[in-house]
Amino acid sequence: MPVLDAHSLDFFSRSPEQTRRIGARLGGVLRNGDVICLQGDLGAGKTTFVQGAAQGWGSLDTVTSPTFILVNEYRRADGNRLFHLDAYRLDSVSEAEELDLDSMLADGALLIEWPERLDGLVPAERLWIQLELVDEEEREMKFKASGKRYDELLEVLRHAAFGGN
């Protein structure tokens, strides 16, 4: 498995369960203010990854794709929140600005599907995950960290993917 550089990781998930497990490992270390961007075509595994992340984070709520309501909010027993934003149906940057990402980041972590549609509103420091369909079961996941916090998250994922347990 190639490590492209200290800020990148390329991983092949061989099943939805494996995609969820990697998501769960990331979810287990998310903190308020964290931004995770998930880019990929329909069916690439973005929502599957988010399901794992929410489970690992400790969500009390079931994860569904927020395609029609833009943002789902998941709660945890300690009162923290995880926001799941699907930007696919956003019509404009001004519509995206109305979502107030800053207040979400003050109150929780943020997972964004279709982040490329938010044109400049996504913080410069984030973890960007590109998911690509290889075949029916397999997905290629390319992780790119921007910022010290996200390098730390990448290390957790690197260990989860290649370091056992």
C-alpha atoms as a PDB file:
ATOM      1  CA  MET A   1       0.000   0.000   0.000  1.00  0.00           C
ATOM      2  CA  PRO A   2       1.657   3.211  -1.099  1.00  0.00           C
ATOM      3  CA  VAL A   3       2.215   6.031   1.329  1.00  0.00           C
ATOM      4  CA  LEU A   4       2.404   8.928  -1.100  1.00  0.00           C
ATOM      5  CA  ASP A   5       3.880  11.318   1.469  1.00  0.00           C
ATOM      6  CA  ALA A   6       3.399  12.209   5.123  1.00  0.00           C
ATOM      7  CA  HIS A   7       0.131  13.988   4.278  1.00  0.00           C
ATOM      8  CA  SER A   8      -1.466  11.285   2.086  1.00  0.00           C
ATOM      9  CA  LEU A   9      -2.644   7.725   2.306  1.00  0.00           C
ATOM     10  CA  ASP A  10      -4.021   5.452  -0.391  1.00  0.00           C
ATOM     11  CA  PHE A  11      -6.156   2.545   0.798  1.00  0.00           C
ATOM     12  CA  PHE A  12      -8.206  -0.131  -0.958  1.00  0.00           C
ATOM     13  CA  SER A  13     -11.381  -1.178   0.834  1.00  0.00           C
ATOM     14  CA  ARG A  14     -12.519  -4.610  -0.284  1.00  0.00           C
ATOM     15  CA  SER A  15     -16.054  -4.423   1.186  1.00  0.00           C
ATOM     16  CA  PRO A  16     -18.662  -2.035   2.635  1.00  0.00           C
ATOM     17  CA  GLU A  17     -17.845  -3.503   6.069  1.00  0.00           C
ATOM     18  CA  GLN A  18     -14.175  -2.561   5.651  1.00  0.00           C
ATOM     19  CA  THR A  19     -15.162   0.955   4.528  1.00  0.00           C
ATOM     20  CA  ARG A  20     -17.350   1.253   7.649  1.00  0.00           C
ATOM     21  CA  ARG A  21     -14.509  -0.023   9.882  1.00  0.00           C
ATOM     22  CA  ILE A  22     -12.058   2.585   8.570  1.00  0.00           C
ATOM     23  CA  GLY A  23     -14.785   5.210   9.054  1.00  0.00           C
ATOM     24  CA  ALA A  24     -15.381   3.967  12.611  1.00  0.00           C
ATOM     25  CA  ARG A  25     -11.685   4.264  13.444  1.00  0.00           C
ATOM     26  CA  LEU A  26     -11.702   7.874  12.255  1.00  0.00           C
ATOM     27  CA  GLY A  27     -15.006   8.597  14.026  1.00  0.00           C
ATOM     28  CA  GLY A  28     -13.547   7.366  17.296  1.00  0.00           C
ATOM     29  CA  VAL A  29     -11.016  10.219  17.361  1.00  0.00           C
ATOM     30  CA  LEU A  30     -13.099  13.089  15.927  1.00  0.00           C
ATOM     31  CA  ARG A  31     -13.347  16.292  17.971  1.00  0.00           C
ATOM     32  CA  ASN A  32     -15.416  19.453  17.688  1.00  0.00           C
ATOM     33  CA  GLY A  33     -14.103  21.573  14.829  1.00  0.00           C
ATOM     34  CA  ASP A  34     -12.864  18.648  12.736  1.00  0.00           C
ATOM     35  CA  VAL A  35     -13.746  18.793   9.020  1.00  0.00           C
ATOM     36  CA  ILE A  36     -13.863  15.609   6.949  1.00  0.00           C
ATOM     37  CA  CYS A  37     -14.566  15.979   3.212  1.00  0.00           C
ATOM     38  CA  LEU A  38     -15.836  13.010   1.201  1.00  0.00           C
ATOM     39  CA  GLN A  39     -15.622  13.321  -2.558  1.00  0.00           C
ATOM     40  CA  GLY A  40     -16.719  10.651  -5.012  1.00  0.00           C
ATOM     41  CA  ASP A  41     -19.395   9.664  -7.477  1.00  0.00           C
ATOM     42  CA  LEU A  42     -22.822   8.383  -6.462  1.00  0.00           C
ATOM     43  CA  GLY A  43     -22.359   4.893  -5.061  1.00  0.00           C
ATOM     44  CA  ALA A  44     -18.664   5.376  -4.260  1.00  0.00           C
ATOM     45  CA  GLY A  45     -19.195   4.678  -0.552  1.00  0.00           C
ATOM     46  CA  LYS A  46     -19.422   8.142   1.025  1.00  0.00           C
ATOM     47  CA  THR A  47     -22.520   7.422   3.127  1.00  0.00           C
ATOM     48  CA  THR A  48     -21.147   3.980   4.077  1.00  0.00           C
ATOM     49  CA  PHE A  49     -17.993   5.690   5.365  1.00  0.00           C
ATOM     50  CA  VAL A  50     -20.095   8.232   7.296  1.00  0.00           C
ATOM     51  CA  GLN A  51     -22.131   5.384   8.851  1.00  0.00           C
ATOM     52  CA  GLY A  52     -18.902   3.927  10.217  1.00  0.00           C
ATOM     53  CA  ALA A  53     -17.623   7.327  11.373  1.00  0.00           C
ATOM     54  CA  ALA A  54     -20.857   8.084  13.246  1.00  0.00           C
ATOM     55  CA  GLN A  55     -20.812   4.644  14.863  1.00  0.00           C
ATOM     56  CA  GLY A  56     -17.176   5.034  15.935  1.00  0.00           C
ATOM     57  CA  TRP A  57     -17.942   8.538  17.223  1.00  0.00           C
ATOM     58  CA  GLY A  58     -20.733   7.123  19.375  1.00  0.00           C
ATOM     59  CA  SER A  59     -23.859   8.383  17.609  1.00  0.00           C
ATOM     60  CA  LEU A  60     -27.170   7.605  19.259  1.00  0.00           C
ATOM     61  CA  ASP A  61     -28.885   8.217  15.914  1.00  0.00           C
ATOM     62  CA  THR A  62     -29.127   6.114  12.754  1.00  0.00           C
ATOM     63  CA  VAL A  63     -27.167   7.447   9.800  1.00  0.00           C
ATOM     64  CA  THR A  64     -29.039   8.117   6.587  1.00  0.00           C
ATOM     65  CA  SER A  65     -28.023  10.159   3.584  1.00  0.00           C
ATOM     66  CA  PRO A  66     -29.153  13.769   4.067  1.00  0.00           C
ATOM     67  CA  THR A  67     -29.560  14.309   0.316  1.00  0.00           C
ATOM     68  CA  PHE A  68     -33.003  15.895   0.629  1.00  0.00           C
ATOM     69  CA  ILE A  69     -32.517  17.928   3.803  1.00  0.00           C
ATOM     70  CA  LEU A  70     -28.834  18.875   3.303  1.00  0.00           C
ATOM     71  CA  VAL A  71     -27.716  18.397   6.928  1.00  0.00           C
ATOM     72  CA  ASN A  72     -28.272  15.551   9.367  1.00  0.00           C
ATOM     73  CA  GLU A  73     -27.282  16.042  12.966  1.00  0.00           C
ATOM     74  CA  TYR A  74     -26.240  13.072  15.100  1.00  0.00           C
ATOM     75  CA  ARG A  75     -26.125  13.205  18.886  1.00  0.00           C
ATOM     76  CA  ARG A  76     -23.927  11.471  21.407  1.00  0.00           C
ATOM     77  CA  ALA A  77     -24.634  10.687  25.060  1.00  0.00           C
ATOM     78  CA  ASP A  78     -22.258  13.479  26.209  1.00  0.00           C
ATOM     79  CA  GLY A  79     -24.226  16.090  24.241  1.00  0.00           C
ATOM     80  CA  ASN A  80     -21.666  16.510  21.458  1.00  0.00           C
ATOM     81  CA  ARG A  81     -22.908  16.636  17.893  1.00  0.00           C
ATOM     82  CA  LEU A  82     -21.744  15.347  14.559  1.00  0.00           C
ATOM     83  CA  PHE A  83     -22.989  17.139  11.448  1.00  0.00           C
ATOM     84  CA  HIS A  84     -23.372  15.299   8.129  1.00  0.00           C
ATOM     85  CA  LEU A  85     -23.759  17.691   5.210  1.00  0.00           C
ATOM     86  CA  ASP A  86     -24.604  16.553   1.687  1.00  0.00           C
ATOM     87  CA  ALA A  87     -23.898  19.422  -0.705  1.00  0.00           C
ATOM     88  CA  TYR A  88     -25.092  17.563  -3.803  1.00  0.00           C
ATOM     89  CA  ARG A  89     -28.342  19.538  -4.083  1.00  0.00           C
ATOM     90  CA  LEU A  90     -26.939  22.959  -3.272  1.00  0.00           C
ATOM     91  CA  ASP A  91     -27.801  25.384  -6.041  1.00  0.00           C
ATOM     92  CA  SER A  92     -25.406  28.193  -5.193  1.00  0.00           C
ATOM     93  CA  VAL A  93     -22.592  29.330  -2.929  1.00  0.00           C
ATOM     94  CA  SER A  94     -24.986  31.778  -1.231  1.00  0.00           C
ATOM     95  CA  GLU A  95     -27.256  28.837  -0.364  1.00  0.00           C
ATOM     96  CA  ALA A  96     -24.198  27.080   1.085  1.00  0.00           C
ATOM     97  CA  GLU A  97     -23.244  30.189   3.092  1.00  0.00           C
ATOM     98  CA  GLU A  98     -26.681  30.116   4.745  1.00  0.00           C
ATOM     99  CA  LEU A  99     -25.799  26.720   6.271  1.00  0.00           C
ATOM    100  CA  ASP A 100     -23.345  28.471   8.651  1.00  0.00           C
ATOM    101  CA  LEU A 101     -20.510  25.949   8.744  1.00  0.00           C
ATOM    102  CA  ASP A 102     -18.763  27.998  11.445  1.00  0.00           C
ATOM    103  CA  SER A 103     -21.524  27.404  13.978  1.00  0.00           C
ATOM    104  CA  MET A 104     -21.530  23.683  13.152  1.00  0.00           C
ATOM    105  CA  LEU A 105     -17.769  23.537  13.739  1.00  0.00           C
ATOM    106  CA  ALA A 106     -18.132  25.363  17.048  1.00  0.00           C
ATOM    107  CA  ASP A 107     -20.661  22.739  18.202  1.00  0.00           C
ATOM    108  CA  GLY A 108     -19.341  19.541  16.652  1.00  0.00           C
ATOM    109  CA  ALA A 109     -17.403  17.769  13.932  1.00  0.00           C
ATOM    110  CA  LEU A 110     -18.478  18.073  10.299  1.00  0.00           C
ATOM    111  CA  LEU A 111     -18.568  15.413   7.579  1.00  0.00           C
ATOM    112  CA  ILE A 112     -19.222  16.847   4.113  1.00  0.00           C
ATOM    113  CA  GLU A 113     -20.295  14.847   1.071  1.00  0.00           C
ATOM    114  CA  TRP A 114     -19.728  16.606  -2.286  1.00  0.00           C
ATOM    115  CA  PRO A 115     -17.454  19.275  -0.672  1.00  0.00           C
ATOM    116  CA  GLU A 116     -16.340  20.497  -4.095  1.00  0.00           C
ATOM    117  CA  ARG A 117     -19.794  22.114  -4.437  1.00  0.00           C
ATOM    118  CA  LEU A 118     -19.084  24.431  -1.479  1.00  0.00           C
ATOM    119  CA  ASP A 119     -16.577  26.424  -3.533  1.00  0.00           C
ATOM    120  CA  GLY A 120     -14.190  28.035  -1.064  1.00  0.00           C
ATOM    121  CA  LEU A 121     -16.361  27.648   2.065  1.00  0.00           C
ATOM    122  CA  VAL A 122     -14.593  24.490   3.268  1.00  0.00           C
ATOM    123  CA  PRO A 123     -11.814  25.342   5.747  1.00  0.00           C
ATOM    124  CA  ALA A 124      -8.270  25.072   4.364  1.00  0.00           C
ATOM    125  CA  GLU A 125      -7.382  22.700   7.188  1.00  0.00           C
ATOM    126  CA  ARG A 126      -9.301  19.448   6.719  1.00  0.00           C
ATOM    127  CA  LEU A 127      -9.072  15.781   5.835  1.00  0.00           C
ATOM    128  CA  TRP A 128     -10.098  15.200   2.224  1.00  0.00           C
ATOM    129  CA  ILE A 129     -11.127  11.678   1.232  1.00  0.00           C
ATOM    130  CA  GLN A 130     -11.549  10.791  -2.431  1.00  0.00           C
ATOM    131  CA  LEU A 131     -13.552   7.567  -2.899  1.00  0.00           C
ATOM    132  CA  GLU A 132     -13.506   5.776  -6.218  1.00  0.00           C
ATOM    133  CA  LEU A 133     -15.435   2.736  -7.362  1.00  0.00           C
ATOM    134  CA  VAL A 134     -13.008  -0.012  -8.410  1.00  0.00           C
ATOM    135  CA  ASP A 135     -15.647  -2.724  -8.781  1.00  0.00           C
ATOM    136  CA  GLU A 136     -18.895  -3.796  -7.127  1.00  0.00           C
ATOM    137  CA  GLU A 137     -17.275  -4.381  -3.706  1.00  0.00           C
ATOM    138  CA  GLU A 138     -13.924  -2.614  -3.892  1.00  0.00           C
ATOM    139  CA  ARG A 139     -13.273   1.102  -3.344  1.00  0.00           C
ATOM    140  CA  GLU A 140     -10.072   3.083  -3.569  1.00  0.00           C
ATOM    141  CA  MET A 141      -9.831   5.658  -0.795  1.00  0.00           C
ATOM    142  CA  LYS A 142      -7.311   8.484  -1.122  1.00  0.00           C
ATOM    143  CA  PHE A 143      -6.803  10.466   2.078  1.00  0.00           C
ATOM    144  CA  LYS A 144      -5.171  13.917   1.976  1.00  0.00           C
ATOM    145  CA  ALA A 145      -4.472  15.826   5.191  1.00  0.00           C
ATOM    146  CA  SER A 146      -4.188  19.615   5.270  1.00  0.00           C
ATOM    147  CA  GLY A 147      -2.985  20.830   8.666  1.00  0.00           C
ATOM    148  CA  LYS A 148      -1.323  19.362  11.752  1.00  0.00           C
ATOM    149  CA  ARG A 149      -4.577  18.051  13.293  1.00  0.00           C
ATOM    150  CA  TYR A 150      -5.368  16.185  10.070  1.00  0.00           C
ATOM    151  CA  ASP A 151      -1.861  14.703   9.874  1.00  0.00           C
ATOM    152  CA  GLU A 152      -2.652  13.249  13.331  1.00  0.00           C
ATOM    153  CA  LEU A 153      -5.931  11.790  12.039  1.00  0.00           C
ATOM    154  CA  LEU A 154      -4.085  10.356   9.049  1.00  0.00           C
ATOM    155  CA  GLU A 155      -1.684   8.574  11.430  1.00  0.00           C
ATOM    156  CA  VAL A 156      -4.663   6.980  13.210  1.00  0.00           C
ATOM    157  CA  LEU A 157      -5.983   5.783   9.841  1.00  0.00           C
ATOM    158  CA  ARG A 158      -2.567   4.583   8.711  1.00  0.00           C
ATOM    159  CA  HIS A 159      -2.304   2.503  11.882  1.00  0.00           C
ATOM    160  CA  ALA A 160      -5.877   1.201  11.471  1.00  0.00           C
ATOM    161  CA  ALA A 161      -5.302   0.260   7.853  1.00  0.00           C
ATOM    162  CA  PHE A 162      -1.840  -1.242   8.070  1.00  0.00           C
ATOM    163  CA  GLY A 163      -0.820  -1.573  11.714  1.00  0.00           C
ATOM    164  CA  GLY A 164      -3.125  -4.337  12.922  1.00  0.00           C
ATOM    165  CA  ASN A 165      -5.961  -3.972  15.466  1.00  0.00           C
END
